[in-house]
Amino acid sequence: MTTGIILGLGLITIVICFYIILNIPYWLILFNKRQNKNMYVNKNYHKWVYSSDDFLNKVLKFSIYTLYGYGVYIFISEIISKYFN
């Protein structure tokens, strides 16, 4: 295997791991809501405190997806250049 294939497979594995790790808390919240219809979270702060955390997470996820998207692009270009040239 060439370096491009190894790096591409590694990047794809990392993307899948990040997806699972970043979504586990969300999946647990959904599971708890389905188990208990009357689940209520007592919020001690204003609404903007929680929404600012959401925006930060969205920017972080976007930058990670962009980085790994570039890695997938490089991986695909290496495969095309090796087998179709």
PDB file of N, CA and C in Angstrom:
ATOM      1  N   MET A   1       0.843  -1.184   0.000  1.00  0.00           N
ATOM      2  CA  MET A   1       0.000   0.000   0.000  1.00  0.00           C
ATOM      3  C   MET A   1       0.885   1.244   0.000  1.00  0.00           C
ATOM      4  N   THR A   2       0.408   2.240  -0.720  1.00  0.00           N
ATOM      5  CA  THR A   2       1.169   3.479  -0.757  1.00  0.00           C
ATOM      6  C   THR A   2       0.788   4.361   0.430  1.00  0.00           C
ATOM      7  N   THR A   3       1.530   5.417   0.589  1.00  0.00           N
ATOM      8  CA  THR A   3       1.293   6.329   1.704  1.00  0.00           C
ATOM      9  C   THR A   3      -0.069   6.994   1.592  1.00  0.00           C
ATOM     10  N   GLY A   4      -0.489   7.327   0.369  1.00  0.00           N
ATOM     11  CA  GLY A   4      -1.787   7.973   0.175  1.00  0.00           C
ATOM     12  C   GLY A   4      -2.943   7.098   0.617  1.00  0.00           C
ATOM     13  N   ILE A   5      -2.870   5.816   0.297  1.00  0.00           N
ATOM     14  CA  ILE A   5      -3.935   4.894   0.703  1.00  0.00           C
ATOM     15  C   ILE A   5      -3.959   4.740   2.212  1.00  0.00           C
ATOM     16  N   ILE A   6      -2.812   4.599   2.822  1.00  0.00           N
ATOM     17  CA  ILE A   6      -2.744   4.440   4.278  1.00  0.00           C
ATOM     18  C   ILE A   6      -3.279   5.689   4.977  1.00  0.00           C
ATOM     19  N   LEU A   7      -2.861   6.864   4.502  1.00  0.00           N
ATOM     20  CA  LEU A   7      -3.363   8.107   5.100  1.00  0.00           C
ATOM     21  C   LEU A   7      -4.859   8.263   4.889  1.00  0.00           C
ATOM     22  N   GLY A   8      -5.333   7.916   3.715  1.00  0.00           N
ATOM     23  CA  GLY A   8      -6.767   8.023   3.439  1.00  0.00           C
ATOM     24  C   GLY A   8      -7.592   7.117   4.337  1.00  0.00           C
ATOM     25  N   LEU A   9      -7.156   5.880   4.489  1.00  0.00           N
ATOM     26  CA  LEU A   9      -7.873   4.957   5.369  1.00  0.00           C
ATOM     27  C   LEU A   9      -7.827   5.424   6.822  1.00  0.00           C
ATOM     28  N   GLY A  10      -6.695   5.980   7.224  1.00  0.00           N
ATOM     29  CA  GLY A  10      -6.588   6.507   8.583  1.00  0.00           C
ATOM     30  C   GLY A  10      -7.511   7.688   8.807  1.00  0.00           C
ATOM     31  N   LEU A  11      -7.587   8.586   7.824  1.00  0.00           N
ATOM     32  CA  LEU A  11      -8.470   9.746   7.952  1.00  0.00           C
ATOM     33  C   LEU A  11      -9.935   9.333   7.989  1.00  0.00           C
ATOM     34  N   ILE A  12     -10.306   8.370   7.160  1.00  0.00           N
ATOM     35  CA  ILE A  12     -11.696   7.894   7.172  1.00  0.00           C
ATOM     36  C   ILE A  12     -12.018   7.276   8.526  1.00  0.00           C
ATOM     37  N   THR A  13     -11.103   6.511   9.089  1.00  0.00           N
ATOM     38  CA  THR A  13     -11.320   5.916  10.411  1.00  0.00           C
ATOM     39  C   THR A  13     -11.479   6.993  11.477  1.00  0.00           C
ATOM     40  N   ILE A  14     -10.661   8.038  11.403  1.00  0.00           N
ATOM     41  CA  ILE A  14     -10.742   9.121  12.384  1.00  0.00           C
ATOM     42  C   ILE A  14     -12.061   9.865  12.252  1.00  0.00           C
ATOM     43  N   VAL A  15     -12.524  10.089  11.023  1.00  0.00           N
ATOM     44  CA  VAL A  15     -13.806  10.773  10.817  1.00  0.00           C
ATOM     45  C   VAL A  15     -14.944   9.971  11.423  1.00  0.00           C
ATOM     46  N   ILE A  16     -14.945   8.671  11.203  1.00  0.00           N
ATOM     47  CA  ILE A  16     -16.004   7.826  11.767  1.00  0.00           C
ATOM     48  C   ILE A  16     -15.949   7.841  13.291  1.00  0.00           C
ATOM     49  N   CYS A  17     -14.751   7.771  13.859  1.00  0.00           N
ATOM     50  CA  CYS A  17     -14.619   7.814  15.327  1.00  0.00           C
ATOM     51  C   CYS A  17     -15.093   9.144  15.886  1.00  0.00           C
ATOM     52  N   PHE A  18     -14.723  10.272  15.239  1.00  0.00           N
ATOM     53  CA  PHE A  18     -15.193  11.576  15.698  1.00  0.00           C
ATOM     54  C   PHE A  18     -16.707  11.668  15.625  1.00  0.00           C
ATOM     55  N   TYR A  19     -17.291  11.155  14.554  1.00  0.00           N
ATOM     56  CA  TYR A  19     -18.749  11.199  14.405  1.00  0.00           C
ATOM     57  C   TYR A  19     -19.433  10.459  15.550  1.00  0.00           C
ATOM     58  N   ILE A  20     -18.933   9.288  15.862  1.00  0.00           N
ATOM     59  CA  ILE A  20     -19.542   8.498  16.933  1.00  0.00           C
ATOM     60  C   ILE A  20     -19.326   9.172  18.287  1.00  0.00           C
ATOM     61  N   ILE A  21     -18.110   9.637  18.567  1.00  0.00           N
ATOM     62  CA  ILE A  21     -17.809  10.238  19.868  1.00  0.00           C
ATOM     63  C   ILE A  21     -18.571  11.536  20.071  1.00  0.00           C
ATOM     64  N   LEU A  22     -18.679  12.367  19.022  1.00  0.00           N
ATOM     65  CA  LEU A  22     -19.378  13.635  19.165  1.00  0.00           C
ATOM     66  C   LEU A  22     -20.892  13.468  19.264  1.00  0.00           C
ATOM     67  N   ASN A  23     -21.433  12.345  18.787  1.00  0.00           N
ATOM     68  CA  ASN A  23     -22.879  12.158  18.811  1.00  0.00           C
ATOM     69  C   ASN A  23     -23.373  11.310  19.972  1.00  0.00           C
ATOM     70  N   ILE A  24     -22.496  10.704  20.743  1.00  0.00           N
ATOM     71  CA  ILE A  24     -22.940   9.866  21.869  1.00  0.00           C
ATOM     72  C   ILE A  24     -23.771  10.663  22.877  1.00  0.00           C
ATOM     73  N   PRO A  25     -23.368  11.876  23.295  1.00  0.00           N
ATOM     74  CA  PRO A  25     -24.228  12.605  24.240  1.00  0.00           C
ATOM     75  C   PRO A  25     -25.608  12.918  23.665  1.00  0.00           C
ATOM     76  N   TYR A  26     -25.651  13.266  22.379  1.00  0.00           N
ATOM     77  CA  TYR A  26     -26.953  13.543  21.743  1.00  0.00           C
ATOM     78  C   TYR A  26     -27.811  12.291  21.699  1.00  0.00           C
ATOM     79  N   TRP A  27     -27.228  11.141  21.382  1.00  0.00           N
ATOM     80  CA  TRP A  27     -27.980   9.899  21.347  1.00  0.00           C
ATOM     81  C   TRP A  27     -28.481   9.524  22.732  1.00  0.00           C
ATOM     82  N   LEU A  28     -27.681   9.796  23.769  1.00  0.00           N
ATOM     83  CA  LEU A  28     -28.129   9.500  25.132  1.00  0.00           C
ATOM     84  C   LEU A  28     -29.299  10.399  25.534  1.00  0.00           C
ATOM     85  N   ILE A  29     -29.261  11.670  25.140  1.00  0.00           N
ATOM     86  CA  ILE A  29     -30.371  12.578  25.441  1.00  0.00           C
ATOM     87  C   ILE A  29     -31.640  12.092  24.754  1.00  0.00           C
ATOM     88  N   LEU A  30     -31.534  11.704  23.493  1.00  0.00           N
ATOM     89  CA  LEU A  30     -32.709  11.191  22.776  1.00  0.00           C
ATOM     90  C   LEU A  30     -33.236   9.920  23.432  1.00  0.00           C
ATOM     91  N   PHE A  31     -32.330   9.051  23.846  1.00  0.00           N
ATOM     92  CA  PHE A  31     -32.757   7.815  24.496  1.00  0.00           C
ATOM     93  C   PHE A  31     -33.486   8.109  25.795  1.00  0.00           C
ATOM     94  N   ASN A  32     -32.964   9.042  26.599  1.00  0.00           N
ATOM     95  CA  ASN A  32     -33.621   9.395  27.864  1.00  0.00           C
ATOM     96  C   ASN A  32     -34.968  10.049  27.636  1.00  0.00           C
ATOM     97  N   LYS A  33     -35.086  10.867  26.601  1.00  0.00           N
ATOM     98  CA  LYS A  33     -36.376  11.482  26.307  1.00  0.00           C
ATOM     99  C   LYS A  33     -37.403  10.453  25.890  1.00  0.00           C
ATOM    100  N   ARG A  34     -36.960   9.453  25.172  1.00  0.00           N
ATOM    101  CA  ARG A  34     -37.902   8.407  24.759  1.00  0.00           C
ATOM    102  C   ARG A  34     -38.317   7.532  25.936  1.00  0.00           C
ATOM    103  N   GLN A  35     -37.431   7.371  26.899  1.00  0.00           N
ATOM    104  CA  GLN A  35     -37.754   6.561  28.070  1.00  0.00           C
ATOM    105  C   GLN A  35     -38.666   7.301  29.040  1.00  0.00           C
ATOM    106  N   ASN A  36     -38.441   8.607  29.180  1.00  0.00           N
ATOM    107  CA  ASN A  36     -39.202   9.400  30.133  1.00  0.00           C
ATOM    108  C   ASN A  36     -39.764  10.622  29.407  1.00  0.00           C
ATOM    109  N   LYS A  37     -41.073  10.619  29.165  1.00  0.00           N
ATOM    110  CA  LYS A  37     -41.694  11.703  28.411  1.00  0.00           C
ATOM    111  C   LYS A  37     -41.703  13.009  29.200  1.00  0.00           C
ATOM    112  N   ASN A  38     -41.648  12.947  30.518  1.00  0.00           N
ATOM    113  CA  ASN A  38     -41.734  14.145  31.354  1.00  0.00           C
ATOM    114  C   ASN A  38     -40.369  14.624  31.828  1.00  0.00           C
ATOM    115  N   MET A  39     -39.332  14.297  31.104  1.00  0.00           N
ATOM    116  CA  MET A  39     -37.983  14.702  31.509  1.00  0.00           C
ATOM    117  C   MET A  39     -37.832  16.214  31.349  1.00  0.00           C
ATOM    118  N   TYR A  40     -37.441  16.874  32.397  1.00  0.00           N
ATOM    119  CA  TYR A  40     -37.284  18.326  32.373  1.00  0.00           C
ATOM    120  C   TYR A  40     -35.907  18.670  32.933  1.00  0.00           C
ATOM    121  N   VAL A  41     -35.162  19.452  32.179  1.00  0.00           N
ATOM    122  CA  VAL A  41     -33.842  19.870  32.622  1.00  0.00           C
ATOM    123  C   VAL A  41     -33.964  21.263  33.230  1.00  0.00           C
ATOM    124  N   ASN A  42     -33.542  21.388  34.490  1.00  0.00           N
ATOM    125  CA  ASN A  42     -33.607  22.680  35.156  1.00  0.00           C
ATOM    126  C   ASN A  42     -32.418  23.526  34.709  1.00  0.00           C
ATOM    127  N   LYS A  43     -32.706  24.629  34.015  1.00  0.00           N
ATOM    128  CA  LYS A  43     -31.651  25.494  33.501  1.00  0.00           C
ATOM    129  C   LYS A  43     -31.439  26.655  34.457  1.00  0.00           C
ATOM    130  N   ASN A  44     -30.192  26.844  34.870  1.00  0.00           N
ATOM    131  CA  ASN A  44     -29.867  27.884  35.835  1.00  0.00           C
ATOM    132  C   ASN A  44     -29.389  29.168  35.182  1.00  0.00           C
ATOM    133  N   TYR A  45     -29.123  29.136  33.870  1.00  0.00           N
ATOM    134  CA  TYR A  45     -28.569  30.292  33.187  1.00  0.00           C
ATOM    135  C   TYR A  45     -29.536  30.786  32.120  1.00  0.00           C
ATOM    136  N   HIS A  46     -29.173  31.915  31.509  1.00  0.00           N
ATOM    137  CA  HIS A  46     -29.978  32.455  30.426  1.00  0.00           C
ATOM    138  C   HIS A  46     -29.851  31.587  29.181  1.00  0.00           C
ATOM    139  N   LYS A  47     -30.759  31.829  28.241  1.00  0.00           N
ATOM    140  CA  LYS A  47     -30.780  31.017  27.034  1.00  0.00           C
ATOM    141  C   LYS A  47     -29.534  31.221  26.164  1.00  0.00           C
ATOM    142  N   TRP A  48     -28.975  32.429  26.164  1.00  0.00           N
ATOM    143  CA  TRP A  48     -27.824  32.708  25.306  1.00  0.00           C
ATOM    144  C   TRP A  48     -26.579  31.940  25.734  1.00  0.00           C
ATOM    145  N   VAL A  49     -26.493  31.548  27.014  1.00  0.00           N
ATOM    146  CA  VAL A  49     -25.332  30.780  27.479  1.00  0.00           C
ATOM    147  C   VAL A  49     -25.292  29.420  26.797  1.00  0.00           C
ATOM    148  N   TYR A  50     -26.444  28.789  26.692  1.00  0.00           N
ATOM    149  CA  TYR A  50     -26.508  27.474  26.054  1.00  0.00           C
ATOM    150  C   TYR A  50     -26.352  27.583  24.546  1.00  0.00           C
ATOM    151  N   SER A  51     -26.900  28.615  23.938  1.00  0.00           N
ATOM    152  CA  SER A  51     -26.806  28.754  22.484  1.00  0.00           C
ATOM    153  C   SER A  51     -25.384  29.117  22.049  1.00  0.00           C
ATOM    154  N   SER A  52     -24.633  29.851  22.879  1.00  0.00           N
ATOM    155  CA  SER A  52     -23.259  30.177  22.498  1.00  0.00           C
ATOM    156  C   SER A  52     -22.401  28.920  22.473  1.00  0.00           C
ATOM    157  N   ASP A  53     -22.670  27.986  23.356  1.00  0.00           N
ATOM    158  CA  ASP A  53     -21.948  26.720  23.339  1.00  0.00           C
ATOM    159  C   ASP A  53     -22.278  25.948  22.071  1.00  0.00           C
ATOM    160  N   ASP A  54     -23.519  26.003  21.635  1.00  0.00           N
ATOM    161  CA  ASP A  54     -23.898  25.317  20.413  1.00  0.00           C
ATOM    162  C   ASP A  54     -23.164  25.902  19.209  1.00  0.00           C
ATOM    163  N   PHE A  55     -23.039  27.224  19.127  1.00  0.00           N
ATOM    164  CA  PHE A  55     -22.357  27.849  18.000  1.00  0.00           C
ATOM    165  C   PHE A  55     -20.887  27.452  17.974  1.00  0.00           C
ATOM    166  N   LEU A  56     -20.255  27.415  19.145  1.00  0.00           N
ATOM    167  CA  LEU A  56     -18.844  27.025  19.216  1.00  0.00           C
ATOM    168  C   LEU A  56     -18.663  25.595  18.736  1.00  0.00           C
ATOM    169  N   ASN A  57     -19.567  24.720  19.122  1.00  0.00           N
ATOM    170  CA  ASN A  57     -19.473  23.330  18.685  1.00  0.00           C
ATOM    171  C   ASN A  57     -19.674  23.209  17.185  1.00  0.00           C
ATOM    172  N   LYS A  58     -20.576  24.028  16.619  1.00  0.00           N
ATOM    173  CA  LYS A  58     -20.799  23.969  15.178  1.00  0.00           C
ATOM    174  C   LYS A  58     -19.566  24.421  14.409  1.00  0.00           C
ATOM    175  N   VAL A  59     -18.891  25.459  14.883  1.00  0.00           N
ATOM    176  CA  VAL A  59     -17.671  25.921  14.218  1.00  0.00           C
ATOM    177  C   VAL A  59     -16.587  24.852  14.323  1.00  0.00           C
ATOM    178  N   LEU A  60     -16.466  24.222  15.481  1.00  0.00           N
ATOM    179  CA  LEU A  60     -15.471  23.169  15.662  1.00  0.00           C
ATOM    180  C   LEU A  60     -15.751  21.988  14.740  1.00  0.00           C
ATOM    181  N   LYS A  61     -17.003  21.559  14.680  1.00  0.00           N
ATOM    182  CA  LYS A  61     -17.361  20.447  13.808  1.00  0.00           C
ATOM    183  C   LYS A  61     -17.113  20.804  12.345  1.00  0.00           C
ATOM    184  N   PHE A  62     -17.443  22.037  11.953  1.00  0.00           N
ATOM    185  CA  PHE A  62     -17.232  22.445  10.566  1.00  0.00           C
ATOM    186  C   PHE A  62     -15.745  22.413  10.209  1.00  0.00           C
ATOM    187  N   SER A  63     -14.903  22.893  11.113  1.00  0.00           N
ATOM    188  CA  SER A  63     -13.468  22.894  10.812  1.00  0.00           C
ATOM    189  C   SER A  63     -12.910  21.473  10.746  1.00  0.00           C
ATOM    190  N   ILE A  64     -13.380  20.591  11.604  1.00  0.00           N
ATOM    191  CA  ILE A  64     -12.921  19.195  11.572  1.00  0.00           C
ATOM    192  C   ILE A  64     -13.388  18.513  10.292  1.00  0.00           C
ATOM    193  N   TYR A  65     -14.664  18.723   9.924  1.00  0.00           N
ATOM    194  CA  TYR A  65     -15.180  18.115   8.695  1.00  0.00           C
ATOM    195  C   TYR A  65     -14.455  18.656   7.468  1.00  0.00           C
ATOM    196  N   THR A  66     -14.104  19.934   7.475  1.00  0.00           N
ATOM    197  CA  THR A  66     -13.368  20.502   6.352  1.00  0.00           C
ATOM    198  C   THR A  66     -11.981  19.874   6.241  1.00  0.00           C
ATOM    199  N   LEU A  67     -11.308  19.715   7.375  1.00  0.00           N
ATOM    200  CA  LEU A  67      -9.986  19.105   7.372  1.00  0.00           C
ATOM    201  C   LEU A  67     -10.029  17.673   6.854  1.00  0.00           C
ATOM    202  N   TYR A  68     -10.962  16.887   7.348  1.00  0.00           N
ATOM    203  CA  TYR A  68     -11.053  15.508   6.906  1.00  0.00           C
ATOM    204  C   TYR A  68     -11.615  15.394   5.497  1.00  0.00           C
ATOM    205  N   GLY A  69     -12.443  16.330   5.089  1.00  0.00           N
ATOM    206  CA  GLY A  69     -12.898  16.359   3.705  1.00  0.00           C
ATOM    207  C   GLY A  69     -11.738  16.561   2.751  1.00  0.00           C
ATOM    208  N   TYR A  70     -10.828  17.427   3.126  1.00  0.00           N
ATOM    209  CA  TYR A  70      -9.620  17.632   2.325  1.00  0.00           C
ATOM    210  C   TYR A  70      -8.784  16.345   2.271  1.00  0.00           C
ATOM    211  N   GLY A  71      -8.698  15.657   3.384  1.00  0.00           N
ATOM    212  CA  GLY A  71      -7.970  14.383   3.410  1.00  0.00           C
ATOM    213  C   GLY A  71      -8.600  13.348   2.496  1.00  0.00           C
ATOM    214  N   VAL A  72      -9.930  13.289   2.479  1.00  0.00           N
ATOM    215  CA  VAL A  72     -10.626  12.355   1.586  1.00  0.00           C
ATOM    216  C   VAL A  72     -10.376  12.746   0.129  1.00  0.00           C
ATOM    217  N   TYR A  73     -10.387  14.046  -0.135  1.00  0.00           N
ATOM    218  CA  TYR A  73     -10.094  14.518  -1.499  1.00  0.00           C
ATOM    219  C   TYR A  73      -8.693  14.078  -1.935  1.00  0.00           C
ATOM    220  N   ILE A  74      -7.716  14.236  -1.086  1.00  0.00           N
ATOM    221  CA  ILE A  74      -6.347  13.817  -1.411  1.00  0.00           C
ATOM    222  C   ILE A  74      -6.293  12.307  -1.626  1.00  0.00           C
ATOM    223  N   PHE A  75      -6.996  11.562  -0.776  1.00  0.00           N
ATOM    224  CA  PHE A  75      -7.035  10.104  -0.897  1.00  0.00           C
ATOM    225  C   PHE A  75      -7.613   9.692  -2.248  1.00  0.00           C
ATOM    226  N   ILE A  76      -8.723  10.293  -2.636  1.00  0.00           N
ATOM    227  CA  ILE A  76      -9.370   9.939  -3.899  1.00  0.00           C
ATOM    228  C   ILE A  76      -8.489  10.348  -5.083  1.00  0.00           C
ATOM    229  N   SER A  77      -7.862  11.501  -4.983  1.00  0.00           N
ATOM    230  CA  SER A  77      -6.980  11.922  -6.085  1.00  0.00           C
ATOM    231  C   SER A  77      -5.773  10.991  -6.216  1.00  0.00           C
ATOM    232  N   GLU A  78      -5.271  10.473  -5.099  1.00  0.00           N
ATOM    233  CA  GLU A  78      -4.159   9.513  -5.159  1.00  0.00           C
ATOM    234  C   GLU A  78      -4.597   8.201  -5.803  1.00  0.00           C
ATOM    235  N   ILE A  79      -5.794   7.732  -5.457  1.00  0.00           N
ATOM    236  CA  ILE A  79      -6.313   6.493  -6.045  1.00  0.00           C
ATOM    237  C   ILE A  79      -6.501   6.672  -7.552  1.00  0.00           C
ATOM    238  N   ILE A  80      -7.079   7.796  -7.951  1.00  0.00           N
ATOM    239  CA  ILE A  80      -7.306   8.040  -9.380  1.00  0.00           C
ATOM    240  C   ILE A  80      -5.981   8.142 -10.123  1.00  0.00           C
ATOM    241  N   SER A  81      -5.003   8.843  -9.535  1.00  0.00           N
ATOM    242  CA  SER A  81      -3.723   8.995 -10.226  1.00  0.00           C
ATOM    243  C   SER A  81      -2.952   7.664 -10.314  1.00  0.00           C
ATOM    244  N   LYS A  82      -3.165   6.761  -9.364  1.00  0.00           N
ATOM    245  CA  LYS A  82      -2.433   5.500  -9.393  1.00  0.00           C
ATOM    246  C   LYS A  82      -3.060   4.511 -10.374  1.00  0.00           C
ATOM    247  N   TYR A  83      -4.377   4.374 -10.336  1.00  0.00           N
ATOM    248  CA  TYR A  83      -5.014   3.317 -11.110  1.00  0.00           C
ATOM    249  C   TYR A  83      -5.558   3.765 -12.463  1.00  0.00           C
ATOM    250  N   PHE A  84      -5.763   5.054 -12.670  1.00  0.00           N
ATOM    251  CA  PHE A  84      -6.375   5.496 -13.925  1.00  0.00           C
ATOM    252  C   PHE A  84      -5.443   6.381 -14.751  1.00  0.00           C
ATOM    253  N   ASN A  85      -4.180   6.380 -14.477  1.00  0.00           N
ATOM    254  CA  ASN A  85      -3.224   7.171 -15.253  1.00  0.00           C
ATOM    255  C   ASN A  85      -2.352   6.286 -16.104  1.00  0.00           C
TER     256      ASN A  85
END
